[in-house]
């Protein structure tokens, strides 16, 4: 059973998400909060749906506080089009996924299951803004990225490229003539070697390290 927490300052939004999550046989709502300042001290949940803008404490600060207490929790940040300049800050805070608030119910449910399974979710409309925000790194960061990249084997570099291009583990397995279990092992090693929390952070690392270009990312 996937436990899901809901953090949003709009009661109607929380009610809608609660009904949707509660209708699924493999999910249940663990708790709800109407502002980010209500998050610290809450029990752990598998996945948290977090509004990025709230009156007292926003979703970015709340995510940092939450993950400091429960580092294994996965946070899906809910954004509007106008919020997308904050996406990179939310990534740095540890968010594992981003969806626009107008996402359809099936997309939201799929995202919850994906992040609970260790994957990450980035809405296509958000990708362009993430790339735009991830400007060329400073020299010190570029040097660090290169050092991390050199820790990877040639096979891991290629698998990281495919992860960055949005390939699933099964698609990577087919492309590389590997078993899905072997791909999963490679992905775990890549995340560890590149200090990436999850696949979204690995994508950002691959872009900042120059492994994939803007055109490639936006073309997938």
N, C-alpha and C. Protein backbone atom coordinates (compact mmCIF):
# COMPACT_ATOMS: atom_id res chain seq x y z
N UNK A 1 0.84 -1.19 0.00
CA UNK A 1 0.00 0.00 0.00
C UNK A 1 0.88 1.25 0.00
N UNK A 2 0.64 2.14 -0.95
CA UNK A 2 1.39 3.39 -1.03
C UNK A 2 0.69 4.44 -0.17
N UNK A 3 1.39 4.97 0.82
CA UNK A 3 0.82 6.03 1.64
C UNK A 3 1.15 7.38 1.02
N UNK A 4 0.12 8.22 0.88
CA UNK A 4 0.26 9.50 0.19
C UNK A 4 -0.18 10.62 1.11
N UNK A 5 0.65 11.65 1.22
CA UNK A 5 0.29 12.85 1.97
C UNK A 5 0.00 13.98 1.00
N UNK A 6 -0.90 14.87 1.40
CA UNK A 6 -1.35 15.96 0.54
C UNK A 6 -1.07 17.30 1.23
N UNK A 7 -0.32 18.17 0.56
CA UNK A 7 0.00 19.48 1.13
C UNK A 7 -0.39 20.55 0.11
N UNK A 8 -1.48 21.25 0.38
CA UNK A 8 -1.98 22.28 -0.53
C UNK A 8 -2.87 23.21 0.27
N UNK A 9 -2.79 24.51 0.00
CA UNK A 9 -3.56 25.46 0.78
C UNK A 9 -5.01 25.58 0.31
N UNK A 10 -5.38 24.91 -0.77
CA UNK A 10 -6.75 24.97 -1.27
C UNK A 10 -7.52 23.71 -0.86
N UNK A 11 -8.51 23.85 0.02
CA UNK A 11 -9.26 22.68 0.51
C UNK A 11 -9.90 21.86 -0.61
N UNK A 12 -10.40 22.53 -1.65
CA UNK A 12 -11.04 21.79 -2.74
C UNK A 12 -10.02 20.94 -3.50
N UNK A 13 -8.81 21.46 -3.66
CA UNK A 13 -7.76 20.69 -4.33
C UNK A 13 -7.41 19.46 -3.50
N UNK A 14 -7.23 19.66 -2.19
CA UNK A 14 -6.92 18.52 -1.31
C UNK A 14 -8.04 17.50 -1.34
N UNK A 15 -9.28 17.97 -1.34
CA UNK A 15 -10.42 17.04 -1.35
C UNK A 15 -10.44 16.23 -2.64
N UNK A 16 -10.15 16.89 -3.76
CA UNK A 16 -10.12 16.17 -5.04
C UNK A 16 -9.03 15.13 -5.08
N UNK A 17 -7.82 15.51 -4.63
CA UNK A 17 -6.71 14.55 -4.60
C UNK A 17 -7.01 13.41 -3.65
N UNK A 18 -7.64 13.73 -2.51
CA UNK A 18 -7.95 12.70 -1.53
C UNK A 18 -8.93 11.68 -2.09
N UNK A 19 -9.95 12.15 -2.80
CA UNK A 19 -10.91 11.23 -3.41
C UNK A 19 -10.24 10.37 -4.47
N UNK A 20 -9.37 10.97 -5.26
CA UNK A 20 -8.69 10.24 -6.32
C UNK A 20 -7.79 9.16 -5.74
N UNK A 21 -6.96 9.54 -4.77
CA UNK A 21 -6.05 8.58 -4.14
C UNK A 21 -6.83 7.48 -3.43
N UNK A 22 -7.88 7.87 -2.71
CA UNK A 22 -8.68 6.91 -1.96
C UNK A 22 -9.42 5.91 -2.82
N UNK A 23 -9.60 6.25 -4.10
CA UNK A 23 -10.32 5.35 -5.01
C UNK A 23 -9.44 4.22 -5.53
N UNK A 24 -8.14 4.29 -5.23
CA UNK A 24 -7.20 3.29 -5.73
C UNK A 24 -6.96 2.20 -4.70
N UNK A 25 -6.94 0.97 -5.15
CA UNK A 25 -6.77 -0.15 -4.23
C UNK A 25 -5.39 -0.26 -3.63
N UNK A 26 -4.40 0.39 -4.27
CA UNK A 26 -3.02 0.28 -3.78
C UNK A 26 -2.52 1.56 -3.13
N UNK A 27 -3.44 2.50 -2.81
CA UNK A 27 -3.03 3.77 -2.22
C UNK A 27 -3.98 4.15 -1.08
N UNK A 28 -3.44 4.94 -0.14
CA UNK A 28 -4.28 5.53 0.90
C UNK A 28 -3.68 6.85 1.32
N UNK A 29 -4.54 7.77 1.76
CA UNK A 29 -4.08 9.07 2.22
C UNK A 29 -3.59 8.94 3.66
N UNK A 30 -2.33 9.34 3.89
CA UNK A 30 -1.75 9.25 5.23
C UNK A 30 -2.14 10.47 6.07
N UNK A 31 -2.02 11.65 5.50
CA UNK A 31 -2.37 12.89 6.19
C UNK A 31 -2.47 14.03 5.19
N UNK A 32 -3.06 15.13 5.65
CA UNK A 32 -3.20 16.32 4.82
C UNK A 32 -2.73 17.54 5.60
N UNK A 33 -2.25 18.54 4.87
CA UNK A 33 -1.83 19.80 5.48
C UNK A 33 -2.21 20.94 4.56
N UNK A 34 -2.57 22.08 5.16
CA UNK A 34 -2.99 23.23 4.38
C UNK A 34 -1.92 24.27 4.17
N UNK A 35 -0.72 24.02 4.72
CA UNK A 35 0.40 24.96 4.54
C UNK A 35 1.69 24.22 4.86
N UNK A 36 2.79 24.77 4.34
CA UNK A 36 4.07 24.13 4.55
C UNK A 36 4.52 24.10 6.00
N UNK A 37 4.04 25.06 6.82
CA UNK A 37 4.45 25.07 8.22
C UNK A 37 3.79 23.97 9.04
N UNK A 38 2.84 23.25 8.43
CA UNK A 38 2.20 22.12 9.11
C UNK A 38 2.89 20.79 8.82
N UNK A 39 3.94 20.82 8.00
CA UNK A 39 4.60 19.59 7.57
C UNK A 39 5.58 19.02 8.60
N UNK A 40 6.46 19.83 9.20
CA UNK A 40 7.43 19.26 10.16
C UNK A 40 6.74 18.52 11.30
N UNK A 41 7.30 17.36 11.66
CA UNK A 41 6.74 16.57 12.74
C UNK A 41 5.69 15.56 12.31
N UNK A 42 5.30 15.59 11.06
CA UNK A 42 4.31 14.62 10.57
C UNK A 42 4.97 13.24 10.41
N UNK A 43 4.12 12.21 10.45
CA UNK A 43 4.61 10.85 10.23
C UNK A 43 5.09 10.69 8.79
N UNK A 44 5.94 9.71 8.58
CA UNK A 44 6.47 9.46 7.24
C UNK A 44 5.36 8.99 6.31
N UNK A 45 5.44 9.40 5.06
CA UNK A 45 4.56 8.91 4.00
C UNK A 45 5.46 8.48 2.85
N UNK A 46 4.97 7.57 2.03
CA UNK A 46 5.78 7.13 0.89
C UNK A 46 5.95 8.24 -0.14
N UNK A 47 4.84 8.92 -0.43
CA UNK A 47 4.83 9.98 -1.45
C UNK A 47 4.07 11.19 -0.90
N UNK A 48 4.59 12.37 -1.14
CA UNK A 48 3.91 13.60 -0.74
C UNK A 48 3.63 14.43 -1.99
N UNK A 49 2.37 14.83 -2.16
CA UNK A 49 2.00 15.78 -3.21
C UNK A 49 2.08 17.17 -2.59
N UNK A 50 3.00 17.98 -3.08
CA UNK A 50 3.33 19.26 -2.44
C UNK A 50 3.07 20.44 -3.37
N UNK A 51 2.20 21.34 -2.94
CA UNK A 51 2.00 22.59 -3.68
C UNK A 51 3.26 23.44 -3.55
N UNK A 52 3.67 24.08 -4.62
CA UNK A 52 4.92 24.83 -4.58
C UNK A 52 4.75 26.20 -3.93
N UNK A 53 3.54 26.77 -3.98
CA UNK A 53 3.29 28.08 -3.38
C UNK A 53 2.19 27.96 -2.33
N UNK A 54 2.50 28.38 -1.10
CA UNK A 54 1.51 28.38 -0.01
C UNK A 54 1.73 29.63 0.83
N UNK A 55 0.72 30.07 1.58
CA UNK A 55 0.77 31.38 2.23
C UNK A 55 1.93 31.59 3.20
N UNK A 56 2.15 30.66 4.12
CA UNK A 56 3.17 30.87 5.16
C UNK A 56 4.52 30.30 4.77
N UNK A 57 4.56 29.00 4.52
CA UNK A 57 5.79 28.31 4.14
C UNK A 57 5.55 27.59 2.82
N UNK A 58 6.34 27.93 1.81
CA UNK A 58 6.16 27.34 0.49
C UNK A 58 6.63 25.90 0.40
N UNK A 59 6.35 25.29 -0.74
CA UNK A 59 6.66 23.89 -0.92
C UNK A 59 8.15 23.56 -0.93
N UNK A 60 8.97 24.50 -1.39
CA UNK A 60 10.42 24.24 -1.44
C UNK A 60 10.98 24.12 -0.04
N UNK A 61 10.66 25.09 0.81
CA UNK A 61 11.14 25.05 2.20
C UNK A 61 10.55 23.85 2.93
N UNK A 62 9.27 23.58 2.69
CA UNK A 62 8.61 22.44 3.34
C UNK A 62 9.23 21.12 2.91
N UNK A 63 9.64 21.04 1.65
CA UNK A 63 10.28 19.81 1.16
C UNK A 63 11.61 19.59 1.85
N UNK A 64 12.40 20.65 2.00
CA UNK A 64 13.68 20.52 2.71
C UNK A 64 13.46 20.01 4.13
N UNK A 65 12.47 20.59 4.82
CA UNK A 65 12.20 20.19 6.20
C UNK A 65 11.72 18.75 6.27
N UNK A 66 10.83 18.39 5.34
CA UNK A 66 10.29 17.04 5.32
C UNK A 66 11.38 15.99 5.08
N UNK A 67 12.23 16.24 4.08
CA UNK A 67 13.25 15.26 3.73
C UNK A 67 14.37 15.20 4.76
N UNK A 68 14.54 16.26 5.54
CA UNK A 68 15.49 16.20 6.65
C UNK A 68 15.03 15.20 7.70
N UNK A 69 13.70 15.09 7.87
CA UNK A 69 13.13 14.15 8.83
C UNK A 69 12.93 12.77 8.23
N UNK A 70 12.50 12.74 6.96
CA UNK A 70 12.16 11.47 6.30
C UNK A 70 12.83 11.41 4.93
N UNK A 71 14.13 11.11 4.89
CA UNK A 71 14.87 11.18 3.62
C UNK A 71 14.40 10.19 2.55
N UNK A 72 13.67 9.15 2.94
CA UNK A 72 13.21 8.17 1.95
C UNK A 72 11.88 8.55 1.32
N UNK A 73 11.23 9.59 1.81
CA UNK A 73 9.97 10.05 1.24
C UNK A 73 10.22 10.66 -0.14
N UNK A 74 9.30 10.43 -1.05
CA UNK A 74 9.38 11.02 -2.38
C UNK A 74 8.37 12.15 -2.50
N UNK A 75 8.82 13.28 -3.00
CA UNK A 75 7.97 14.46 -3.11
C UNK A 75 7.68 14.77 -4.57
N UNK A 76 6.40 14.87 -4.90
CA UNK A 76 5.98 15.35 -6.22
C UNK A 76 5.52 16.79 -6.05
N UNK A 77 6.20 17.70 -6.70
CA UNK A 77 5.85 19.12 -6.60
C UNK A 77 4.76 19.45 -7.61
N UNK A 78 3.71 20.08 -7.15
CA UNK A 78 2.60 20.49 -8.01
C UNK A 78 2.77 21.96 -8.36
N UNK A 79 2.85 22.25 -9.63
CA UNK A 79 3.14 23.61 -10.07
C UNK A 79 2.07 24.11 -11.03
N UNK A 80 2.05 25.42 -11.21
CA UNK A 80 1.28 26.03 -12.29
C UNK A 80 2.30 26.55 -13.31
N UNK A 81 1.83 26.95 -14.44
CA UNK A 81 2.74 27.45 -15.47
C UNK A 81 3.59 28.60 -14.94
N UNK A 82 2.99 29.46 -14.13
CA UNK A 82 3.71 30.63 -13.63
C UNK A 82 4.76 30.28 -12.58
N UNK A 83 4.69 29.06 -12.02
CA UNK A 83 5.62 28.66 -10.97
C UNK A 83 6.90 28.03 -11.50
N UNK A 84 6.99 27.82 -12.80
CA UNK A 84 8.02 26.92 -13.30
C UNK A 84 9.44 27.45 -13.14
N UNK A 85 9.60 28.76 -12.89
CA UNK A 85 10.95 29.26 -12.63
C UNK A 85 11.48 28.73 -11.30
N UNK A 86 10.60 28.19 -10.46
CA UNK A 86 11.01 27.66 -9.16
C UNK A 86 11.38 26.19 -9.20
N UNK A 87 11.22 25.56 -10.36
CA UNK A 87 11.41 24.12 -10.45
C UNK A 87 12.83 23.70 -10.09
N UNK A 88 13.81 24.45 -10.57
CA UNK A 88 15.20 24.07 -10.28
C UNK A 88 15.49 24.17 -8.78
N UNK A 89 14.94 25.19 -8.11
CA UNK A 89 15.09 25.30 -6.66
C UNK A 89 14.46 24.11 -5.96
N UNK A 90 13.32 23.67 -6.47
CA UNK A 90 12.65 22.51 -5.87
C UNK A 90 13.46 21.24 -6.08
N UNK A 91 14.08 21.11 -7.25
CA UNK A 91 14.97 19.97 -7.50
C UNK A 91 16.11 19.96 -6.49
N UNK A 92 16.70 21.11 -6.27
CA UNK A 92 17.80 21.20 -5.31
C UNK A 92 17.34 20.87 -3.90
N UNK A 93 16.07 21.11 -3.61
CA UNK A 93 15.52 20.78 -2.29
C UNK A 93 15.27 19.29 -2.13
N UNK A 94 15.27 18.54 -3.26
CA UNK A 94 15.12 17.10 -3.19
C UNK A 94 13.85 16.53 -3.79
N UNK A 95 13.04 17.37 -4.46
CA UNK A 95 11.82 16.87 -5.07
C UNK A 95 12.14 15.82 -6.14
N UNK A 96 11.29 14.80 -6.22
CA UNK A 96 11.50 13.70 -7.16
C UNK A 96 10.63 13.78 -8.40
N UNK A 97 9.71 14.72 -8.43
CA UNK A 97 8.83 14.82 -9.58
C UNK A 97 8.12 16.16 -9.63
N UNK A 98 7.65 16.49 -10.83
CA UNK A 98 6.94 17.74 -11.06
C UNK A 98 5.78 17.49 -11.99
N UNK A 99 4.62 17.95 -11.56
CA UNK A 99 3.44 17.88 -12.41
C UNK A 99 2.76 19.24 -12.38
N UNK A 100 2.19 19.62 -13.51
CA UNK A 100 1.34 20.80 -13.52
C UNK A 100 0.01 20.45 -12.88
N UNK A 101 -0.61 21.42 -12.24
CA UNK A 101 -1.85 21.16 -11.51
C UNK A 101 -3.00 20.75 -12.42
N UNK A 102 -2.85 21.01 -13.72
CA UNK A 102 -3.92 20.61 -14.63
C UNK A 102 -3.69 19.21 -15.22
N UNK A 103 -2.75 18.45 -14.64
CA UNK A 103 -2.52 17.08 -15.11
C UNK A 103 -3.79 16.25 -14.94
N UNK A 104 -4.00 15.32 -15.87
CA UNK A 104 -5.20 14.50 -15.75
C UNK A 104 -5.00 13.45 -14.66
N UNK A 105 -6.09 12.89 -14.12
CA UNK A 105 -6.00 11.96 -12.99
C UNK A 105 -5.08 10.77 -13.24
N UNK A 106 -5.15 10.19 -14.43
CA UNK A 106 -4.30 9.03 -14.72
C UNK A 106 -2.82 9.40 -14.67
N UNK A 107 -2.49 10.60 -15.14
CA UNK A 107 -1.10 11.06 -15.10
C UNK A 107 -0.62 11.21 -13.66
N UNK A 108 -1.48 11.75 -12.80
CA UNK A 108 -1.12 11.93 -11.40
C UNK A 108 -0.92 10.58 -10.72
N UNK A 109 -1.83 9.64 -10.95
CA UNK A 109 -1.72 8.32 -10.32
C UNK A 109 -0.48 7.58 -10.81
N UNK A 110 -0.20 7.70 -12.09
CA UNK A 110 1.01 7.07 -12.64
C UNK A 110 2.26 7.67 -12.02
N UNK A 111 2.24 8.98 -11.80
CA UNK A 111 3.39 9.66 -11.20
C UNK A 111 3.62 9.18 -9.77
N UNK A 112 2.55 9.02 -9.01
CA UNK A 112 2.68 8.53 -7.63
C UNK A 112 3.31 7.15 -7.63
N UNK A 113 2.83 6.27 -8.50
CA UNK A 113 3.38 4.91 -8.55
C UNK A 113 4.83 4.92 -9.03
N UNK A 114 5.14 5.80 -9.96
CA UNK A 114 6.50 5.87 -10.50
C UNK A 114 7.50 6.29 -9.44
N UNK A 115 7.21 7.38 -8.72
CA UNK A 115 8.18 7.85 -7.72
C UNK A 115 8.26 6.88 -6.55
N UNK A 116 7.15 6.23 -6.23
CA UNK A 116 7.19 5.23 -5.16
C UNK A 116 8.09 4.06 -5.56
N UNK A 117 8.15 3.77 -6.85
CA UNK A 117 8.99 2.68 -7.34
C UNK A 117 10.44 3.09 -7.58
N UNK A 118 10.77 4.33 -7.25
CA UNK A 118 12.16 4.77 -7.39
C UNK A 118 12.45 5.57 -8.64
N UNK A 119 11.44 5.72 -9.51
CA UNK A 119 11.63 6.55 -10.69
C UNK A 119 11.33 8.01 -10.34
N UNK A 120 11.42 8.85 -11.34
CA UNK A 120 11.11 10.26 -11.14
C UNK A 120 10.24 10.73 -12.30
N UNK A 121 9.53 11.81 -12.07
CA UNK A 121 8.55 12.28 -13.04
C UNK A 121 8.77 13.76 -13.31
N UNK A 122 8.83 14.10 -14.58
CA UNK A 122 8.96 15.50 -14.98
C UNK A 122 7.98 15.75 -16.11
N UNK A 123 6.97 16.56 -15.84
CA UNK A 123 5.97 16.85 -16.86
C UNK A 123 6.65 17.47 -18.08
N UNK A 124 6.28 17.03 -19.28
CA UNK A 124 6.93 17.56 -20.49
C UNK A 124 6.94 19.08 -20.57
N UNK A 125 5.86 19.73 -20.13
CA UNK A 125 5.80 21.19 -20.20
C UNK A 125 6.79 21.84 -19.24
N UNK A 126 7.24 21.09 -18.23
CA UNK A 126 8.18 21.64 -17.25
C UNK A 126 9.62 21.51 -17.73
N UNK A 127 9.87 20.52 -18.59
CA UNK A 127 11.24 20.20 -18.99
C UNK A 127 11.97 21.41 -19.57
N UNK A 128 11.33 22.14 -20.44
CA UNK A 128 11.97 23.30 -21.07
C UNK A 128 12.44 24.32 -20.03
N UNK A 129 11.65 24.50 -18.99
CA UNK A 129 12.01 25.48 -17.98
C UNK A 129 13.15 24.97 -17.10
N UNK A 130 13.18 23.67 -16.85
CA UNK A 130 14.29 23.10 -16.09
C UNK A 130 15.60 23.30 -16.86
N UNK A 131 15.56 23.01 -18.15
CA UNK A 131 16.75 23.15 -18.98
C UNK A 131 17.18 24.61 -19.06
N UNK A 132 16.21 25.50 -19.21
CA UNK A 132 16.53 26.91 -19.28
C UNK A 132 17.16 27.42 -17.99
N UNK A 133 16.70 26.87 -16.86
CA UNK A 133 17.23 27.31 -15.57
C UNK A 133 18.60 26.71 -15.29
N UNK A 134 18.86 25.54 -15.85
CA UNK A 134 20.13 24.86 -15.61
C UNK A 134 21.19 25.42 -16.54
N UNK A 135 21.58 26.63 -16.27
CA UNK A 135 22.55 27.32 -17.12
C UNK A 135 23.91 26.68 -16.98
N UNK A 136 24.83 27.11 -17.81
CA UNK A 136 26.19 26.55 -17.75
C UNK A 136 26.73 26.66 -16.34
N UNK A 137 27.24 25.56 -15.77
CA UNK A 137 27.71 25.59 -14.39
C UNK A 137 28.97 26.42 -14.23
N UNK A 138 29.19 26.88 -13.01
CA UNK A 138 30.43 27.57 -12.70
C UNK A 138 31.60 26.61 -12.85
N UNK A 139 32.80 27.16 -12.94
CA UNK A 139 33.98 26.34 -13.19
C UNK A 139 34.13 25.24 -12.14
N UNK A 140 33.93 25.60 -10.87
CA UNK A 140 34.11 24.61 -9.80
C UNK A 140 33.12 23.47 -9.95
N UNK A 141 31.86 23.81 -10.26
CA UNK A 141 30.85 22.76 -10.44
C UNK A 141 31.15 21.94 -11.68
N UNK A 142 31.59 22.59 -12.76
CA UNK A 142 31.91 21.87 -13.99
C UNK A 142 33.03 20.87 -13.75
N UNK A 143 34.03 21.27 -12.95
CA UNK A 143 35.14 20.37 -12.63
C UNK A 143 34.63 19.17 -11.83
N UNK A 144 33.75 19.45 -10.87
CA UNK A 144 33.18 18.37 -10.06
C UNK A 144 32.36 17.43 -10.93
N UNK A 145 31.54 17.99 -11.82
CA UNK A 145 30.72 17.15 -12.69
C UNK A 145 31.59 16.24 -13.55
N UNK A 146 32.67 16.79 -14.07
CA UNK A 146 33.56 15.99 -14.90
C UNK A 146 34.19 14.86 -14.08
N UNK A 147 34.56 15.17 -12.85
CA UNK A 147 35.15 14.14 -11.99
C UNK A 147 34.15 13.02 -11.70
N UNK A 148 32.90 13.39 -11.45
CA UNK A 148 31.85 12.39 -11.21
C UNK A 148 31.60 11.56 -12.46
N UNK A 149 31.60 12.23 -13.62
CA UNK A 149 31.36 11.52 -14.88
C UNK A 149 32.45 10.49 -15.14
N UNK A 150 33.66 10.81 -14.76
CA UNK A 150 34.78 9.89 -14.99
C UNK A 150 34.71 8.66 -14.10
N UNK A 151 33.85 8.68 -13.09
CA UNK A 151 33.68 7.51 -12.24
C UNK A 151 32.84 6.43 -12.93
N UNK A 152 32.13 6.82 -13.99
CA UNK A 152 31.24 5.89 -14.67
C UNK A 152 31.99 5.07 -15.72
N UNK A 153 31.54 3.82 -15.87
CA UNK A 153 32.07 2.99 -16.95
C UNK A 153 31.44 3.44 -18.27
N UNK A 154 32.03 3.07 -19.41
CA UNK A 154 31.41 3.42 -20.70
C UNK A 154 29.96 2.95 -20.81
N UNK A 155 29.67 1.77 -20.30
CA UNK A 155 28.30 1.26 -20.32
C UNK A 155 27.39 2.15 -19.48
N UNK A 156 27.85 2.56 -18.31
CA UNK A 156 27.04 3.41 -17.44
C UNK A 156 26.81 4.78 -18.06
N UNK A 157 27.81 5.30 -18.76
CA UNK A 157 27.65 6.59 -19.45
C UNK A 157 26.53 6.49 -20.49
N UNK A 158 26.53 5.42 -21.25
CA UNK A 158 25.51 5.25 -22.28
C UNK A 158 24.13 5.09 -21.66
N UNK A 159 24.05 4.33 -20.57
CA UNK A 159 22.76 4.14 -19.90
C UNK A 159 22.28 5.47 -19.31
N UNK A 160 23.19 6.26 -18.76
CA UNK A 160 22.82 7.58 -18.24
C UNK A 160 22.27 8.46 -19.35
N UNK A 161 22.88 8.41 -20.53
CA UNK A 161 22.37 9.18 -21.68
C UNK A 161 20.93 8.79 -21.97
N UNK A 162 20.66 7.49 -21.97
CA UNK A 162 19.31 7.02 -22.28
C UNK A 162 18.32 7.41 -21.19
N UNK A 163 18.76 7.35 -19.93
CA UNK A 163 17.92 7.81 -18.83
C UNK A 163 17.57 9.28 -19.03
N UNK A 164 18.58 10.07 -19.39
CA UNK A 164 18.37 11.51 -19.60
C UNK A 164 17.41 11.78 -20.75
N UNK A 165 17.39 10.88 -21.72
CA UNK A 165 16.50 11.05 -22.87
C UNK A 165 15.10 10.50 -22.60
N UNK A 166 14.87 10.02 -21.38
CA UNK A 166 13.53 9.60 -21.00
C UNK A 166 13.22 8.13 -21.20
N UNK A 167 14.23 7.33 -21.51
CA UNK A 167 14.00 5.90 -21.70
C UNK A 167 13.67 5.24 -20.36
N UNK A 168 12.72 4.31 -20.37
CA UNK A 168 12.45 3.51 -19.18
C UNK A 168 13.49 2.40 -19.08
N UNK A 169 13.52 1.70 -17.94
CA UNK A 169 14.46 0.60 -17.78
C UNK A 169 14.24 -0.48 -18.84
N UNK A 170 12.98 -0.78 -19.13
CA UNK A 170 12.69 -1.81 -20.14
C UNK A 170 13.17 -1.37 -21.52
N UNK A 171 13.00 -0.09 -21.85
CA UNK A 171 13.45 0.41 -23.14
C UNK A 171 14.97 0.41 -23.23
N UNK A 172 15.63 0.74 -22.13
CA UNK A 172 17.09 0.69 -22.10
C UNK A 172 17.56 -0.74 -22.27
N UNK A 173 16.89 -1.67 -21.60
CA UNK A 173 17.27 -3.09 -21.70
C UNK A 173 17.21 -3.56 -23.14
N UNK A 174 16.14 -3.16 -23.84
CA UNK A 174 16.00 -3.56 -25.24
C UNK A 174 17.07 -2.90 -26.11
N UNK A 175 17.33 -1.63 -25.88
CA UNK A 175 18.31 -0.91 -26.70
C UNK A 175 19.73 -1.41 -26.49
N UNK A 176 20.04 -1.83 -25.26
CA UNK A 176 21.40 -2.24 -24.91
C UNK A 176 21.58 -3.76 -24.86
N UNK A 177 20.52 -4.49 -25.19
CA UNK A 177 20.55 -5.97 -25.14
C UNK A 177 20.94 -6.47 -23.75
N UNK A 178 20.28 -5.91 -22.75
CA UNK A 178 20.50 -6.30 -21.36
C UNK A 178 19.18 -6.72 -20.74
N UNK A 179 19.25 -7.38 -19.60
CA UNK A 179 18.03 -7.71 -18.88
C UNK A 179 17.59 -6.48 -18.08
N UNK A 180 16.27 -6.33 -17.83
CA UNK A 180 15.81 -5.19 -17.02
C UNK A 180 16.47 -5.16 -15.64
N UNK A 181 16.73 -6.33 -15.05
CA UNK A 181 17.38 -6.38 -13.74
C UNK A 181 18.79 -5.81 -13.80
N UNK A 182 19.50 -6.12 -14.88
CA UNK A 182 20.86 -5.58 -15.04
C UNK A 182 20.83 -4.08 -15.21
N UNK A 183 19.86 -3.60 -15.99
CA UNK A 183 19.72 -2.15 -16.18
C UNK A 183 19.43 -1.47 -14.84
N UNK A 184 18.54 -2.06 -14.05
CA UNK A 184 18.22 -1.49 -12.75
C UNK A 184 19.46 -1.38 -11.87
N UNK A 185 20.31 -2.40 -11.92
CA UNK A 185 21.55 -2.38 -11.15
C UNK A 185 22.47 -1.25 -11.63
N UNK A 186 22.58 -1.12 -12.96
CA UNK A 186 23.40 -0.04 -13.53
C UNK A 186 22.87 1.32 -13.09
N UNK A 187 21.55 1.50 -13.13
CA UNK A 187 20.96 2.80 -12.77
C UNK A 187 21.26 3.12 -11.30
N UNK A 188 21.13 2.14 -10.43
CA UNK A 188 21.44 2.38 -9.01
C UNK A 188 22.90 2.80 -8.85
N UNK A 189 23.79 2.15 -9.58
CA UNK A 189 25.21 2.51 -9.50
C UNK A 189 25.46 3.92 -10.03
N UNK A 190 24.76 4.28 -11.11
CA UNK A 190 24.90 5.62 -11.69
C UNK A 190 24.44 6.68 -10.68
N UNK A 191 23.30 6.44 -10.05
CA UNK A 191 22.80 7.40 -9.06
C UNK A 191 23.81 7.58 -7.93
N UNK A 192 24.38 6.47 -7.47
CA UNK A 192 25.36 6.53 -6.39
C UNK A 192 26.62 7.27 -6.82
N UNK A 193 27.14 6.92 -7.99
CA UNK A 193 28.41 7.50 -8.45
C UNK A 193 28.30 8.98 -8.78
N UNK A 194 27.11 9.42 -9.19
CA UNK A 194 26.94 10.83 -9.57
C UNK A 194 26.30 11.66 -8.46
N UNK A 195 26.10 11.05 -7.29
CA UNK A 195 25.46 11.75 -6.16
C UNK A 195 24.09 12.28 -6.54
N UNK A 196 23.35 11.49 -7.32
CA UNK A 196 22.01 11.89 -7.76
C UNK A 196 20.96 11.20 -6.89
N UNK A 197 20.03 11.97 -6.39
CA UNK A 197 18.99 11.42 -5.51
C UNK A 197 18.09 10.45 -6.26
N UNK A 198 17.79 10.76 -7.51
CA UNK A 198 16.88 9.93 -8.30
C UNK A 198 17.09 10.25 -9.77
N UNK A 199 16.18 9.75 -10.62
CA UNK A 199 16.38 9.89 -12.06
C UNK A 199 16.29 11.34 -12.53
N UNK A 200 15.43 12.14 -11.91
CA UNK A 200 15.34 13.55 -12.30
C UNK A 200 16.67 14.24 -12.07
N UNK A 201 17.29 13.98 -10.91
CA UNK A 201 18.57 14.59 -10.61
C UNK A 201 19.67 14.04 -11.52
N UNK A 202 19.54 12.78 -11.92
CA UNK A 202 20.51 12.21 -12.87
C UNK A 202 20.39 12.88 -14.23
N UNK A 203 19.16 13.18 -14.65
CA UNK A 203 18.95 13.90 -15.91
C UNK A 203 19.61 15.27 -15.84
N UNK A 204 19.40 15.97 -14.74
CA UNK A 204 19.99 17.29 -14.57
C UNK A 204 21.51 17.21 -14.58
N UNK A 205 22.06 16.18 -13.92
CA UNK A 205 23.51 15.99 -13.92
C UNK A 205 24.02 15.75 -15.34
N UNK A 206 23.32 14.88 -16.08
CA UNK A 206 23.75 14.56 -17.45
C UNK A 206 23.77 15.81 -18.32
N UNK A 207 22.79 16.69 -18.13
CA UNK A 207 22.75 17.92 -18.91
C UNK A 207 23.88 18.86 -18.50
N UNK A 208 24.06 19.03 -17.20
CA UNK A 208 25.10 19.95 -16.72
C UNK A 208 26.50 19.44 -17.04
N UNK A 209 26.65 18.11 -17.12
CA UNK A 209 27.95 17.54 -17.43
C UNK A 209 28.23 17.50 -18.93
N UNK A 210 27.25 17.93 -19.73
CA UNK A 210 27.44 17.98 -21.18
C UNK A 210 27.23 16.66 -21.87
N UNK A 211 26.61 15.70 -21.18
CA UNK A 211 26.40 14.38 -21.76
C UNK A 211 25.27 14.39 -22.78
N UNK A 212 24.30 15.25 -22.57
CA UNK A 212 23.20 15.42 -23.52
C UNK A 212 22.99 16.91 -23.74
N UNK A 213 22.50 17.26 -24.91
CA UNK A 213 22.28 18.65 -25.24
C UNK A 213 20.83 19.06 -25.13
N UNK A 214 20.59 20.34 -25.20
CA UNK A 214 19.24 20.87 -25.10
C UNK A 214 18.33 20.30 -26.18
N UNK A 215 18.84 20.25 -27.41
CA UNK A 215 18.03 19.75 -28.52
C UNK A 215 17.61 18.31 -28.32
N UNK A 216 18.53 17.49 -27.79
CA UNK A 216 18.20 16.09 -27.54
C UNK A 216 17.11 15.96 -26.48
N UNK A 217 17.25 16.72 -25.38
CA UNK A 217 16.29 16.62 -24.30
C UNK A 217 14.90 17.09 -24.73
N UNK A 218 14.85 18.19 -25.46
CA UNK A 218 13.55 18.72 -25.87
C UNK A 218 12.95 17.93 -27.02
N UNK A 219 13.75 17.12 -27.68
CA UNK A 219 13.25 16.33 -28.79
C UNK A 219 12.63 15.03 -28.37
N UNK A 220 12.69 14.72 -27.07
CA UNK A 220 12.15 13.46 -26.57
C UNK A 220 11.00 13.71 -25.63
